[in-house]
């Protein structure tokens, strides 16, 4: 077993965790209009559920508004209902052409709640990174048992630890940035 392959596998898992965290953070609204908060919404379209972005253009004309323009006129009501039924928590306004979502300013309590949610997501990401490190170290130990020189095994474990530290630091930086974004009034 090659130590670089074990390290690459662990790094790949850690990178995927970061990407997932970034996507999760983009869905947490921070008082500013962000088209990503509608990413999880599915719309009934000719008998199947499809993502909102497959049936409409979602734009942010300004910092407090999200505009949804369905490509087909008959989808306006369906899209509006899907947004109302979702957990976005914003009432859509339909003017017959487009759907507007006015982003209300966040209350202090809601900001604290969002920071708590963000911290939880960051902790989950850290756990995932630690698991990737642990799995890599277990594979290194197994490789040592199967004939890999012990010093190479230890070097591999040290590399995994350094990799872990780098990714944990990235998660902390992402959390600090999102926290600042949420708490900025």
C-alpha atoms as a PDB file:
ATOM      1  CA  UNK A   1       0.000   0.000   0.000  1.00  0.00           C
ATOM      2  CA  UNK A   2       1.358   3.386  -0.993  1.00  0.00           C
ATOM      3  CA  UNK A   3       1.287   6.153   1.653  1.00  0.00           C
ATOM      4  CA  UNK A   4       0.690   8.858  -0.975  1.00  0.00           C
ATOM      5  CA  UNK A   5      -2.500   7.102  -2.132  1.00  0.00           C
ATOM      6  CA  UNK A   6      -3.774   6.945   1.454  1.00  0.00           C
ATOM      7  CA  UNK A   7      -2.951  10.634   1.920  1.00  0.00           C
ATOM      8  CA  UNK A   8      -4.615  11.585  -1.384  1.00  0.00           C
ATOM      9  CA  UNK A   9      -7.786   9.677  -0.465  1.00  0.00           C
ATOM     10  CA  UNK A  10      -7.953  11.419   2.917  1.00  0.00           C
ATOM     11  CA  UNK A  11      -7.304  14.822   1.333  1.00  0.00           C
ATOM     12  CA  UNK A  12     -10.022  14.194  -1.254  1.00  0.00           C
ATOM     13  CA  UNK A  13     -12.522  13.415   1.520  1.00  0.00           C
ATOM     14  CA  UNK A  14     -11.486  16.555   3.412  1.00  0.00           C
ATOM     15  CA  UNK A  15     -11.823  18.684   0.262  1.00  0.00           C
ATOM     16  CA  UNK A  16     -15.304  17.302  -0.418  1.00  0.00           C
ATOM     17  CA  UNK A  17     -16.257  18.166   3.170  1.00  0.00           C
ATOM     18  CA  UNK A  18     -15.127  21.766   2.623  1.00  0.00           C
ATOM     19  CA  UNK A  19     -17.108  22.025  -0.616  1.00  0.00           C
ATOM     20  CA  UNK A  20     -20.214  20.666   1.114  1.00  0.00           C
ATOM     21  CA  UNK A  21     -19.770  23.149   3.968  1.00  0.00           C
ATOM     22  CA  UNK A  22     -19.403  26.015   1.498  1.00  0.00           C
ATOM     23  CA  UNK A  23     -22.630  24.984  -0.230  1.00  0.00           C
ATOM     24  CA  UNK A  24     -24.415  24.680   3.128  1.00  0.00           C
ATOM     25  CA  UNK A  25     -23.190  28.118   4.227  1.00  0.00           C
ATOM     26  CA  UNK A  26     -24.407  29.652   0.958  1.00  0.00           C
ATOM     27  CA  UNK A  27     -27.960  28.528   1.785  1.00  0.00           C
ATOM     28  CA  UNK A  28     -27.951  30.206   5.197  1.00  0.00           C
ATOM     29  CA  UNK A  29     -29.348  33.664   4.648  1.00  0.00           C
ATOM     30  CA  UNK A  30     -27.504  36.496   6.318  1.00  0.00           C
ATOM     31  CA  UNK A  31     -29.894  39.408   5.836  1.00  0.00           C
ATOM     32  CA  UNK A  32     -28.689  39.957   2.283  1.00  0.00           C
ATOM     33  CA  UNK A  33     -30.362  38.709  -0.889  1.00  0.00           C
ATOM     34  CA  UNK A  34     -28.694  35.504  -2.054  1.00  0.00           C
ATOM     35  CA  UNK A  35     -30.111  33.378  -4.874  1.00  0.00           C
ATOM     36  CA  UNK A  36     -28.664  30.238  -3.221  1.00  0.00           C
ATOM     37  CA  UNK A  37     -31.296  30.263  -0.471  1.00  0.00           C
ATOM     38  CA  UNK A  38     -33.746  28.998  -3.109  1.00  0.00           C
ATOM     39  CA  UNK A  39     -31.474  26.121  -4.229  1.00  0.00           C
ATOM     40  CA  UNK A  40     -33.314  23.506  -2.177  1.00  0.00           C
ATOM     41  CA  UNK A  41     -36.751  24.317  -3.635  1.00  0.00           C
ATOM     42  CA  UNK A  42     -38.285  21.758  -5.978  1.00  0.00           C
ATOM     43  CA  UNK A  43     -41.121  22.589  -8.378  1.00  0.00           C
ATOM     44  CA  UNK A  44     -43.740  20.301  -9.967  1.00  0.00           C
ATOM     45  CA  UNK A  45     -42.994  20.473 -13.710  1.00  0.00           C
ATOM     46  CA  UNK A  46     -44.893  18.225 -16.145  1.00  0.00           C
ATOM     47  CA  UNK A  47     -45.302  15.463 -13.596  1.00  0.00           C
ATOM     48  CA  UNK A  48     -41.860  15.481 -11.974  1.00  0.00           C
ATOM     49  CA  UNK A  49     -40.134  17.488  -9.261  1.00  0.00           C
ATOM     50  CA  UNK A  50     -37.284  19.609 -10.597  1.00  0.00           C
ATOM     51  CA  UNK A  51     -35.033  22.273  -8.993  1.00  0.00           C
ATOM     52  CA  UNK A  52     -36.398  25.820  -9.195  1.00  0.00           C
ATOM     53  CA  UNK A  53     -33.414  26.858 -11.334  1.00  0.00           C
ATOM     54  CA  UNK A  54     -34.608  24.421 -14.053  1.00  0.00           C
ATOM     55  CA  UNK A  55     -37.867  26.338 -14.624  1.00  0.00           C
ATOM     56  CA  UNK A  56     -37.015  29.951 -13.785  1.00  0.00           C
ATOM     57  CA  UNK A  57     -34.294  32.576 -13.744  1.00  0.00           C
ATOM     58  CA  UNK A  58     -33.329  33.597 -10.212  1.00  0.00           C
ATOM     59  CA  UNK A  59     -31.613  36.991  -9.847  1.00  0.00           C
ATOM     60  CA  UNK A  60     -30.789  39.499  -7.119  1.00  0.00           C
ATOM     61  CA  UNK A  61     -31.440  42.986  -8.530  1.00  0.00           C
ATOM     62  CA  UNK A  62     -30.424  44.572  -5.215  1.00  0.00           C
ATOM     63  CA  UNK A  63     -29.249  43.598  -1.717  1.00  0.00           C
ATOM     64  CA  UNK A  64     -32.784  43.219  -0.345  1.00  0.00           C
ATOM     65  CA  UNK A  65     -34.630  41.521  -3.230  1.00  0.00           C
ATOM     66  CA  UNK A  66     -34.590  38.166  -4.976  1.00  0.00           C
ATOM     67  CA  UNK A  67     -36.447  38.028  -8.287  1.00  0.00           C
ATOM     68  CA  UNK A  68     -37.744  34.768  -9.784  1.00  0.00           C
ATOM     69  CA  UNK A  69     -38.874  34.832 -13.408  1.00  0.00           C
ATOM     70  CA  UNK A  70     -40.419  31.563 -14.624  1.00  0.00           C
ATOM     71  CA  UNK A  71     -39.672  30.729 -18.246  1.00  0.00           C
ATOM     72  CA  UNK A  72     -43.292  29.738 -18.836  1.00  0.00           C
ATOM     73  CA  UNK A  73     -46.173  31.998 -17.753  1.00  0.00           C
ATOM     74  CA  UNK A  74     -48.255  29.051 -16.507  1.00  0.00           C
ATOM     75  CA  UNK A  75     -45.474  28.157 -14.011  1.00  0.00           C
ATOM     76  CA  UNK A  76     -45.873  31.429 -12.065  1.00  0.00           C
ATOM     77  CA  UNK A  77     -48.467  30.077  -9.603  1.00  0.00           C
ATOM     78  CA  UNK A  78     -46.658  26.733  -9.213  1.00  0.00           C
ATOM     79  CA  UNK A  79     -43.337  28.438  -8.433  1.00  0.00           C
ATOM     80  CA  UNK A  80     -45.021  30.855  -6.017  1.00  0.00           C
ATOM     81  CA  UNK A  81     -46.683  27.969  -4.156  1.00  0.00           C
ATOM     82  CA  UNK A  82     -43.404  26.022  -3.994  1.00  0.00           C
ATOM     83  CA  UNK A  83     -41.656  29.031  -2.416  1.00  0.00           C
ATOM     84  CA  UNK A  84     -44.503  29.508   0.080  1.00  0.00           C
ATOM     85  CA  UNK A  85     -44.436  25.809   1.055  1.00  0.00           C
ATOM     86  CA  UNK A  86     -40.645  25.794   1.490  1.00  0.00           C
ATOM     87  CA  UNK A  87     -38.741  26.559   4.691  1.00  0.00           C
ATOM     88  CA  UNK A  88     -37.302  29.812   3.269  1.00  0.00           C
ATOM     89  CA  UNK A  89     -39.654  31.835   5.459  1.00  0.00           C
ATOM     90  CA  UNK A  90     -40.239  34.686   2.992  1.00  0.00           C
ATOM     91  CA  UNK A  91     -43.629  35.438   1.457  1.00  0.00           C
ATOM     92  CA  UNK A  92     -43.380  35.814  -2.325  1.00  0.00           C
ATOM     93  CA  UNK A  93     -45.056  38.724  -4.147  1.00  0.00           C
ATOM     94  CA  UNK A  94     -46.440  37.883  -7.584  1.00  0.00           C
ATOM     95  CA  UNK A  95     -47.131  40.736 -10.026  1.00  0.00           C
ATOM     96  CA  UNK A  96     -48.211  38.545 -12.960  1.00  0.00           C
ATOM     97  CA  UNK A  97     -44.782  38.685 -14.621  1.00  0.00           C
ATOM     98  CA  UNK A  98     -42.215  37.891 -11.928  1.00  0.00           C
ATOM     99  CA  UNK A  99     -42.103  36.803  -8.305  1.00  0.00           C
ATOM    100  CA  UNK A 100     -40.290  39.093  -5.890  1.00  0.00           C
ATOM    101  CA  UNK A 101     -38.968  38.048  -2.495  1.00  0.00           C
ATOM    102  CA  UNK A 102     -38.224  40.950  -0.171  1.00  0.00           C
ATOM    103  CA  UNK A 103     -35.500  39.967   2.283  1.00  0.00           C
ATOM    104  CA  UNK A 104     -36.512  41.295   5.709  1.00  0.00           C
ATOM    105  CA  UNK A 105     -33.786  42.550   8.034  1.00  0.00           C
ATOM    106  CA  UNK A 106     -32.758  39.937  10.588  1.00  0.00           C
ATOM    107  CA  UNK A 107     -33.624  40.373  14.249  1.00  0.00           C
ATOM    108  CA  UNK A 108     -30.869  40.002  16.844  1.00  0.00           C
ATOM    109  CA  UNK A 109     -32.437  36.735  18.019  1.00  0.00           C
ATOM    110  CA  UNK A 110     -32.546  35.348  14.462  1.00  0.00           C
ATOM    111  CA  UNK A 111     -28.900  36.356  13.920  1.00  0.00           C
ATOM    112  CA  UNK A 112     -27.878  34.422  17.031  1.00  0.00           C
ATOM    113  CA  UNK A 113     -29.917  31.453  15.841  1.00  0.00           C
ATOM    114  CA  UNK A 114     -28.196  31.552  12.427  1.00  0.00           C
ATOM    115  CA  UNK A 115     -24.745  31.789  14.053  1.00  0.00           C
ATOM    116  CA  UNK A 116     -25.638  28.741  16.156  1.00  0.00           C
ATOM    117  CA  UNK A 117     -26.742  26.858  13.024  1.00  0.00           C
ATOM    118  CA  UNK A 118     -23.560  27.896  11.215  1.00  0.00           C
ATOM    119  CA  UNK A 119     -21.407  26.762  14.150  1.00  0.00           C
ATOM    120  CA  UNK A 120     -23.200  23.397  14.148  1.00  0.00           C
ATOM    121  CA  UNK A 121     -22.509  22.946  10.418  1.00  0.00           C
ATOM    122  CA  UNK A 122     -18.848  23.856  10.956  1.00  0.00           C
ATOM    123  CA  UNK A 123     -18.594  21.287  13.794  1.00  0.00           C
ATOM    124  CA  UNK A 124     -20.115  18.609  11.552  1.00  0.00           C
ATOM    125  CA  UNK A 125     -17.489  19.432   8.905  1.00  0.00           C
ATOM    126  CA  UNK A 126     -14.697  19.156  11.502  1.00  0.00           C
ATOM    127  CA  UNK A 127     -16.007  15.749  12.574  1.00  0.00           C
ATOM    128  CA  UNK A 128     -15.982  14.616   8.959  1.00  0.00           C
ATOM    129  CA  UNK A 129     -12.387  15.843   8.534  1.00  0.00           C
ATOM    130  CA  UNK A 130     -11.320  14.046  11.728  1.00  0.00           C
ATOM    131  CA  UNK A 131     -12.966  10.864  10.457  1.00  0.00           C
ATOM    132  CA  UNK A 132     -11.035  11.130   7.180  1.00  0.00           C
ATOM    133  CA  UNK A 133      -7.786  11.504   9.176  1.00  0.00           C
ATOM    134  CA  UNK A 134      -8.649   8.563  11.426  1.00  0.00           C
ATOM    135  CA  UNK A 135      -9.471   6.329   8.454  1.00  0.00           C
ATOM    136  CA  UNK A 136      -6.181   7.325   6.818  1.00  0.00           C
ATOM    137  CA  UNK A 137      -4.205   6.566   9.990  1.00  0.00           C
ATOM    138  CA  UNK A 138      -5.956   3.190  10.309  1.00  0.00           C
ATOM    139  CA  UNK A 139      -4.964   2.391   6.721  1.00  0.00           C
ATOM    140  CA  UNK A 140      -1.353   3.445   7.473  1.00  0.00           C
ATOM    141  CA  UNK A 141      -1.249   1.120  10.506  1.00  0.00           C
ATOM    142  CA  UNK A 142      -2.684  -1.699   8.413  1.00  0.00           C
ATOM    143  CA  UNK A 143      -0.037  -1.052   5.723  1.00  0.00           C
ATOM    144  CA  UNK A 144       2.707  -1.194   8.386  1.00  0.00           C
ATOM    145  CA  UNK A 145       1.357  -4.575   9.505  1.00  0.00           C
ATOM    146  CA  UNK A 146       1.407  -5.699   5.853  1.00  0.00           C
ATOM    147  CA  UNK A 147       5.106  -4.878   5.458  1.00  0.00           C
ATOM    148  CA  UNK A 148       5.415  -1.094   5.049  1.00  0.00           C
ATOM    149  CA  UNK A 149       8.466   0.207   6.989  1.00  0.00           C
ATOM    150  CA  UNK A 150       7.424   1.653  10.357  1.00  0.00           C
ATOM    151  CA  UNK A 151       9.151   5.003   9.829  1.00  0.00           C
ATOM    152  CA  UNK A 152       7.240   5.483   6.542  1.00  0.00           C
ATOM    153  CA  UNK A 153       4.025   4.695   8.403  1.00  0.00           C
ATOM    154  CA  UNK A 154       4.824   7.290  11.082  1.00  0.00           C
ATOM    155  CA  UNK A 155       5.759   9.873   8.437  1.00  0.00           C
ATOM    156  CA  UNK A 156       2.448   9.164   6.690  1.00  0.00           C
ATOM    157  CA  UNK A 157       0.534   9.617   9.946  1.00  0.00           C
ATOM    158  CA  UNK A 158       2.330  12.934  10.536  1.00  0.00           C
ATOM    159  CA  UNK A 159       1.423  14.078   7.015  1.00  0.00           C
ATOM    160  CA  UNK A 160      -2.218  13.171   7.660  1.00  0.00           C
ATOM    161  CA  UNK A 161      -2.140  15.166  10.897  1.00  0.00           C
ATOM    162  CA  UNK A 162      -0.704  18.211   9.088  1.00  0.00           C
ATOM    163  CA  UNK A 163      -3.364  17.857   6.392  1.00  0.00           C
ATOM    164  CA  UNK A 164      -6.040  17.628   9.106  1.00  0.00           C
ATOM    165  CA  UNK A 165      -4.736  20.805  10.766  1.00  0.00           C
ATOM    166  CA  UNK A 166      -4.823  22.714   7.447  1.00  0.00           C
ATOM    167  CA  UNK A 167      -8.413  21.706   6.717  1.00  0.00           C
ATOM    168  CA  UNK A 168      -9.626  22.377  10.273  1.00  0.00           C
ATOM    169  CA  UNK A 169      -8.095  25.861   9.984  1.00  0.00           C
ATOM    170  CA  UNK A 170      -9.958  26.392   6.680  1.00  0.00           C
ATOM    171  CA  UNK A 171     -13.252  25.386   8.345  1.00  0.00           C
ATOM    172  CA  UNK A 172     -12.575  27.836  11.190  1.00  0.00           C
ATOM    173  CA  UNK A 173     -11.846  30.614   8.675  1.00  0.00           C
ATOM    174  CA  UNK A 174     -15.032  29.844   6.730  1.00  0.00           C
ATOM    175  CA  UNK A 175     -17.059  29.892   9.955  1.00  0.00           C
ATOM    176  CA  UNK A 176     -15.507  33.181  11.083  1.00  0.00           C
ATOM    177  CA  UNK A 177     -16.318  34.759   7.710  1.00  0.00           C
ATOM    178  CA  UNK A 178     -19.920  33.547   7.729  1.00  0.00           C
ATOM    179  CA  UNK A 179     -20.380  34.573  11.364  1.00  0.00           C
ATOM    180  CA  UNK A 180     -19.139  38.070  10.535  1.00  0.00           C
ATOM    181  CA  UNK A 181     -21.497  38.212   7.539  1.00  0.00           C
ATOM    182  CA  UNK A 182     -24.480  37.176   9.696  1.00  0.00           C
ATOM    183  CA  UNK A 183     -23.708  39.558  12.546  1.00  0.00           C
ATOM    184  CA  UNK A 184     -23.041  42.577  10.300  1.00  0.00           C
ATOM    185  CA  UNK A 185     -26.116  44.771  10.476  1.00  0.00           C
END
